[in-house]
């Protein structure tokens, strides 16, 4: 990708609509070979951009889904203990083998189970892969510290085999929903961008790209209603992903325009917590919908 405009065009070809600011930081990350750190609310398209870049460049997508308690061994490699035990039993049945030789044979790549970070260091058909480290904020500080070496030198160390260095650095994208602050040392190694909720017009573009069969009038009502919900006091505000899911649900039900009854029937597509759903029941959904329709009505 030779320009920011080309980044936008290529991503649009993968049905990913992004503004110039995000396209700029993607262009720079690719041009400079720097990891890209995307932070923002859940459902704003952080994970999807990694998928779009992977598809656009024809590169393999390797995803490391983070969780509490994730450690380096789970993210890098494991030894296939079951196969190692079979090899030991086979050697014993054959009359035994020199323990030193057997140990050397057991800790080879034949018995190595590669996890995402090690996979990303290996040569891949078509070029360096896209490594998505998703929801890094779910892990803890020791794992962040481990990532510093991996992202600085693009290498991992396996005690039995030594250090494995990537011949070509992977395209690294880290995402965070900001459930906690990620350490500055990790952020400094990356280019940073805050992925915010899109404007009304941008969200209409996204919905048209992801659900093109939706009528324009329905799309405008859906986006306006979701954007109004984001201003309400909710535990979990709906993201763009929920906007798309809701529109697809409405299409499956052959809905032509929103009504309080339709909203009550399909609210589970946009709100995921019972306390939030209760706030929208009764006259509240009707009030918001009336305000939305009044705003969208031609002057």
Protein backbone atom coordinates (compact mmCIF):
# COMPACT_ATOMS: atom_id res chain seq x y z
CA UNK A 1 0.00 0.00 0.00
CA UNK A 2 1.70 3.13 -1.28
CA UNK A 3 -0.56 5.85 0.14
CA UNK A 4 -3.18 6.61 2.76
CA UNK A 5 -5.85 6.83 0.08
CA UNK A 6 -4.89 3.37 -1.15
CA UNK A 7 -5.23 2.01 2.40
CA UNK A 8 -8.78 3.35 2.57
CA UNK A 9 -9.62 1.94 -0.86
CA UNK A 10 -8.14 -1.48 -0.15
CA UNK A 11 -9.89 -1.76 3.21
CA UNK A 12 -13.16 -0.61 1.63
CA UNK A 13 -12.72 -3.49 -0.80
CA UNK A 14 -12.93 -5.76 2.27
CA UNK A 15 -16.09 -3.95 3.44
CA UNK A 16 -14.15 -2.12 6.16
CA UNK A 17 -14.94 1.59 6.18
CA UNK A 18 -12.44 3.73 8.07
CA UNK A 19 -11.67 7.41 8.42
CA UNK A 20 -8.46 9.06 7.27
CA UNK A 21 -6.93 9.17 10.77
CA UNK A 22 -7.16 5.39 11.18
CA UNK A 23 -6.03 4.81 7.59
CA UNK A 24 -3.00 7.03 8.27
CA UNK A 25 -1.84 5.07 11.31
CA UNK A 26 -2.38 1.78 9.45
CA UNK A 27 -0.30 3.10 6.53
CA UNK A 28 2.51 4.18 8.88
CA UNK A 29 2.48 0.87 10.77
CA UNK A 30 2.86 -1.03 7.49
CA UNK A 31 5.43 1.39 6.08
CA UNK A 32 7.62 1.51 9.20
CA UNK A 33 7.11 -2.08 10.33
CA UNK A 34 5.81 -0.96 13.73
CA UNK A 35 3.18 -2.75 15.83
CA UNK A 36 -0.19 -1.00 15.87
CA UNK A 37 -2.00 -0.57 19.19
CA UNK A 38 -5.76 0.03 18.82
CA UNK A 39 -7.70 1.02 21.90
CA UNK A 40 -11.39 1.81 22.25
CA UNK A 41 -14.81 0.58 23.26
CA UNK A 42 -15.83 -2.98 22.42
CA UNK A 43 -17.52 -3.41 19.06
CA UNK A 44 -15.88 -0.47 17.28
CA UNK A 45 -14.04 -2.56 14.67
CA UNK A 46 -10.59 -3.05 16.22
CA UNK A 47 -10.47 -6.80 15.60
CA UNK A 48 -12.10 -6.49 12.19
CA UNK A 49 -9.36 -4.25 10.84
CA UNK A 50 -6.80 -7.01 11.41
CA UNK A 51 -9.00 -9.40 9.44
CA UNK A 52 -9.42 -6.81 6.67
CA UNK A 53 -5.67 -6.16 6.42
CA UNK A 54 -4.96 -9.89 6.33
CA UNK A 55 -7.48 -10.46 3.53
CA UNK A 56 -6.39 -7.38 1.58
CA UNK A 57 -2.70 -8.33 1.63
CA UNK A 58 -3.30 -12.05 1.18
CA UNK A 59 -1.45 -12.80 4.42
CA UNK A 60 -2.23 -15.43 7.02
CA UNK A 61 -4.05 -14.12 10.10
CA UNK A 62 -2.72 -15.53 13.38
CA UNK A 63 -4.86 -14.59 16.36
CA UNK A 64 -3.81 -14.69 20.00
CA UNK A 65 -6.96 -14.25 22.08
CA UNK A 66 -5.88 -12.91 25.46
CA UNK A 67 -7.45 -13.89 28.76
CA UNK A 68 -6.70 -13.63 32.46
CA UNK A 69 -3.89 -16.00 33.40
CA UNK A 70 -2.42 -16.26 29.90
CA UNK A 71 1.29 -17.01 30.20
CA UNK A 72 4.22 -17.15 27.83
CA UNK A 73 4.19 -20.93 27.40
CA UNK A 74 0.53 -20.97 26.38
CA UNK A 75 1.11 -18.14 23.92
CA UNK A 76 4.37 -19.45 22.44
CA UNK A 77 4.60 -23.24 22.57
CA UNK A 78 3.87 -26.47 24.42
CA UNK A 79 5.51 -29.87 24.34
CA UNK A 80 3.36 -32.75 23.12
CA UNK A 81 3.65 -34.82 26.28
CA UNK A 82 1.36 -37.59 25.00
CA UNK A 83 3.57 -38.20 21.95
CA UNK A 84 6.71 -37.96 24.09
CA UNK A 85 5.38 -40.65 26.44
CA UNK A 86 4.58 -42.92 23.48
CA UNK A 87 8.14 -42.45 22.23
CA UNK A 88 9.54 -43.32 25.66
CA UNK A 89 7.40 -46.48 25.90
CA UNK A 90 8.41 -47.48 22.40
CA UNK A 91 12.10 -47.05 23.27
CA UNK A 92 11.68 -49.11 26.45
CA UNK A 93 9.87 -51.87 24.56
CA UNK A 94 12.68 -51.98 22.01
CA UNK A 95 15.18 -52.73 24.72
CA UNK A 96 15.91 -49.27 26.00
CA UNK A 97 17.95 -46.44 24.67
CA UNK A 98 20.62 -44.13 25.97
CA UNK A 99 18.83 -41.63 28.19
CA UNK A 100 20.87 -38.70 26.94
CA UNK A 101 20.14 -39.53 23.33
CA UNK A 102 16.46 -40.15 24.10
CA UNK A 103 16.18 -36.80 25.88
CA UNK A 104 17.70 -35.00 22.90
CA UNK A 105 15.28 -36.75 20.55
CA UNK A 106 12.23 -35.93 22.69
CA UNK A 107 12.86 -32.18 22.76
CA UNK A 108 12.91 -31.53 19.04
CA UNK A 109 10.48 -29.72 16.77
CA UNK A 110 8.80 -33.05 16.04
CA UNK A 111 7.18 -32.87 19.49
CA UNK A 112 6.68 -29.11 19.55
CA UNK A 113 3.16 -27.67 19.49
CA UNK A 114 3.40 -24.16 18.13
CA UNK A 115 1.13 -21.50 19.61
CA UNK A 116 0.32 -18.12 17.98
CA UNK A 117 3.45 -16.15 18.89
CA UNK A 118 5.80 -18.88 17.66
CA UNK A 119 3.71 -19.40 14.52
CA UNK A 120 4.05 -15.68 13.77
CA UNK A 121 7.84 -15.97 13.89
CA UNK A 122 7.89 -18.68 11.23
CA UNK A 123 8.10 -17.98 7.48
CA UNK A 124 4.64 -18.08 5.91
CA UNK A 125 3.50 -18.57 2.30
CA UNK A 126 2.75 -15.17 0.78
CA UNK A 127 4.83 -13.18 3.26
CA UNK A 128 4.88 -12.28 6.93
CA UNK A 129 1.57 -12.99 8.68
CA UNK A 130 -0.74 -10.58 10.45
CA UNK A 131 -0.45 -11.25 14.19
CA UNK A 132 -3.54 -10.12 16.09
CA UNK A 133 -3.03 -9.90 19.87
CA UNK A 134 -6.65 -9.38 20.81
CA UNK A 135 -7.82 -7.76 24.07
CA UNK A 136 -4.37 -7.39 25.62
CA UNK A 137 -6.01 -5.62 28.57
CA UNK A 138 -7.38 -8.99 29.75
CA UNK A 139 -3.89 -10.26 30.56
CA UNK A 140 -1.62 -9.23 33.44
CA UNK A 141 1.65 -7.30 33.69
CA UNK A 142 4.03 -10.32 33.56
CA UNK A 143 2.68 -11.26 30.14
CA UNK A 144 3.02 -7.66 28.96
CA UNK A 145 6.67 -7.74 30.06
CA UNK A 146 7.21 -10.91 28.04
CA UNK A 147 5.73 -9.25 24.96
CA UNK A 148 8.34 -6.49 25.14
CA UNK A 149 11.05 -8.85 23.87
CA UNK A 150 8.79 -10.43 21.29
CA UNK A 151 7.69 -7.07 19.84
CA UNK A 152 11.08 -5.35 20.11
CA UNK A 153 13.24 -8.03 18.52
CA UNK A 154 10.56 -10.24 16.95
CA UNK A 155 11.99 -13.32 18.57
CA UNK A 156 11.00 -15.91 21.17
CA UNK A 157 13.17 -18.21 23.24
CA UNK A 158 12.55 -21.91 23.83
CA UNK A 159 15.03 -23.20 26.44
CA UNK A 160 15.43 -26.61 24.78
CA UNK A 161 15.83 -25.22 21.25
CA UNK A 162 17.24 -21.72 21.69
CA UNK A 163 16.09 -18.39 20.27
CA UNK A 164 13.87 -18.34 17.20
CA UNK A 165 14.01 -15.06 15.25
CA UNK A 166 11.45 -14.04 12.64
CA UNK A 167 13.15 -13.77 9.22
CA UNK A 168 10.52 -11.15 8.34
CA UNK A 169 8.70 -9.31 11.15
CA UNK A 170 4.98 -10.04 11.29
CA UNK A 171 2.39 -7.27 10.95
CA UNK A 172 1.36 -6.88 14.59
CA UNK A 173 -1.96 -5.43 15.74
CA UNK A 174 -2.82 -5.23 19.43
CA UNK A 175 -6.30 -4.33 20.65
CA UNK A 176 -7.58 -3.21 24.04
CA UNK A 177 -11.07 -2.46 25.34
CA UNK A 178 -9.41 -0.46 28.13
CA UNK A 179 -10.76 -2.55 31.00
CA UNK A 180 -7.41 -1.63 32.57
CA UNK A 181 -4.47 0.53 31.58
CA UNK A 182 -1.76 -1.19 29.53
CA UNK A 183 1.81 -0.37 30.61
CA UNK A 184 3.51 2.55 28.87
CA UNK A 185 6.55 0.43 27.99
CA UNK A 186 4.40 -1.71 25.71
CA UNK A 187 2.56 1.23 24.19
CA UNK A 188 5.86 3.01 23.40
CA UNK A 189 6.82 0.17 21.09
CA UNK A 190 3.67 0.68 19.04
CA UNK A 191 1.88 3.28 16.99
CA UNK A 192 -1.29 4.19 18.88
CA UNK A 193 -4.83 5.01 17.77
CA UNK A 194 -8.06 5.42 19.72
CA UNK A 195 -10.93 3.82 17.80
CA UNK A 196 -14.02 5.82 18.71
CA UNK A 197 -17.66 5.34 17.83
CA UNK A 198 -18.19 6.60 14.28
CA UNK A 199 -20.19 9.65 13.28
CA UNK A 200 -23.72 9.19 11.95
CA UNK A 201 -22.65 9.38 8.30
CA UNK A 202 -19.69 7.05 8.84
CA UNK A 203 -21.85 4.48 10.60
CA UNK A 204 -24.35 4.64 7.74
CA UNK A 205 -21.45 3.87 5.36
CA UNK A 206 -20.38 0.93 7.51
CA UNK A 207 -23.90 -0.45 7.69
CA UNK A 208 -24.36 -0.12 3.93
CA UNK A 209 -21.09 -2.02 3.41
CA UNK A 210 -21.98 -4.82 5.85
CA UNK A 211 -25.73 -5.03 5.24
CA UNK A 212 -26.24 -3.59 1.74
CA UNK A 213 -29.71 -5.12 1.42
CA UNK A 214 -31.07 -2.84 4.16
CA UNK A 215 -33.21 0.01 2.85
CA UNK A 216 -31.80 3.50 3.36
CA UNK A 217 -34.72 4.61 5.55
CA UNK A 218 -34.36 1.62 7.86
CA UNK A 219 -30.58 2.04 8.02
CA UNK A 220 -30.92 5.66 9.06
CA UNK A 221 -33.44 4.78 11.79
CA UNK A 222 -31.27 1.95 13.09
CA UNK A 223 -28.11 4.06 13.23
CA UNK A 224 -29.85 7.06 14.74
CA UNK A 225 -31.50 4.89 17.41
CA UNK A 226 -28.24 3.15 18.35
CA UNK A 227 -26.37 6.43 18.46
CA UNK A 228 -29.03 7.84 20.78
CA UNK A 229 -28.68 4.79 23.03
CA UNK A 230 -24.96 5.55 23.39
CA UNK A 231 -25.88 8.82 25.08
CA UNK A 232 -28.00 7.01 27.67
CA UNK A 233 -26.74 5.82 31.04
CA UNK A 234 -26.09 2.18 30.09
CA UNK A 235 -23.72 -0.38 31.56
CA UNK A 236 -22.60 -1.49 28.09
CA UNK A 237 -23.20 0.85 25.18
CA UNK A 238 -23.87 -0.85 21.84
CA UNK A 239 -20.98 -0.83 19.38
CA UNK A 240 -20.94 -0.84 15.60
CA UNK A 241 -21.00 -4.64 15.69
CA UNK A 242 -24.36 -4.48 17.47
CA UNK A 243 -25.67 -1.98 14.90
CA UNK A 244 -24.85 -4.44 12.11
CA UNK A 245 -26.28 -7.41 14.01
CA UNK A 246 -29.51 -5.54 14.73
CA UNK A 247 -29.95 -4.48 11.11
CA UNK A 248 -29.49 -8.08 9.97
CA UNK A 249 -32.03 -9.27 12.53
CA UNK A 250 -34.55 -6.71 11.29
CA UNK A 251 -33.96 -7.79 7.71
CA UNK A 252 -34.52 -11.43 8.67
CA UNK A 253 -37.87 -10.38 10.13
CA UNK A 254 -38.79 -8.33 7.01
CA UNK A 255 -39.05 -5.16 9.10
CA UNK A 256 -39.42 -2.00 7.02
CA UNK A 257 -39.29 0.57 9.81
CA UNK A 258 -38.80 0.66 13.57
CA UNK A 259 -41.63 0.53 16.06
CA UNK A 260 -41.70 0.13 19.86
CA UNK A 261 -42.95 -3.46 19.39
CA UNK A 262 -40.12 -4.36 17.02
CA UNK A 263 -37.55 -2.82 19.37
CA UNK A 264 -38.94 -4.82 22.31
CA UNK A 265 -38.75 -8.05 20.29
CA UNK A 266 -35.19 -7.53 19.05
CA UNK A 267 -33.53 -5.58 21.86
CA UNK A 268 -31.26 -8.54 22.63
CA UNK A 269 -29.35 -7.82 19.43
CA UNK A 270 -28.15 -4.43 20.69
CA UNK A 271 -28.16 -4.64 24.50
CA UNK A 272 -26.49 -7.54 26.31
CA UNK A 273 -27.25 -6.81 29.97
CA UNK A 274 -30.64 -7.22 31.62
CA UNK A 275 -30.33 -3.95 33.55
CA UNK A 276 -29.84 -2.07 30.27
CA UNK A 277 -32.76 -3.90 28.65
CA UNK A 278 -35.05 -3.00 31.55
CA UNK A 279 -34.19 0.67 31.10
CA UNK A 280 -35.43 0.46 27.53
CA UNK A 281 -38.71 -1.24 28.30
CA UNK A 282 -42.07 0.45 28.54
CA UNK A 283 -42.38 4.01 27.32
CA UNK A 284 -38.62 4.69 27.19
CA UNK A 285 -38.07 2.98 23.82
CA UNK A 286 -41.11 4.76 22.42
CA UNK A 287 -39.80 8.14 23.62
CA UNK A 288 -36.36 7.63 22.08
CA UNK A 289 -37.84 6.36 18.83
CA UNK A 290 -40.18 9.35 18.52
CA UNK A 291 -37.24 11.72 19.05
CA UNK A 292 -35.19 9.87 16.46
CA UNK A 293 -37.95 9.93 13.86
CA UNK A 294 -38.54 13.62 14.48
CA UNK A 295 -34.85 14.35 13.87
CA UNK A 296 -34.82 12.28 10.67
CA UNK A 297 -38.02 13.79 9.29
CA UNK A 298 -37.44 16.14 6.35
CA UNK A 299 -37.57 19.80 7.30
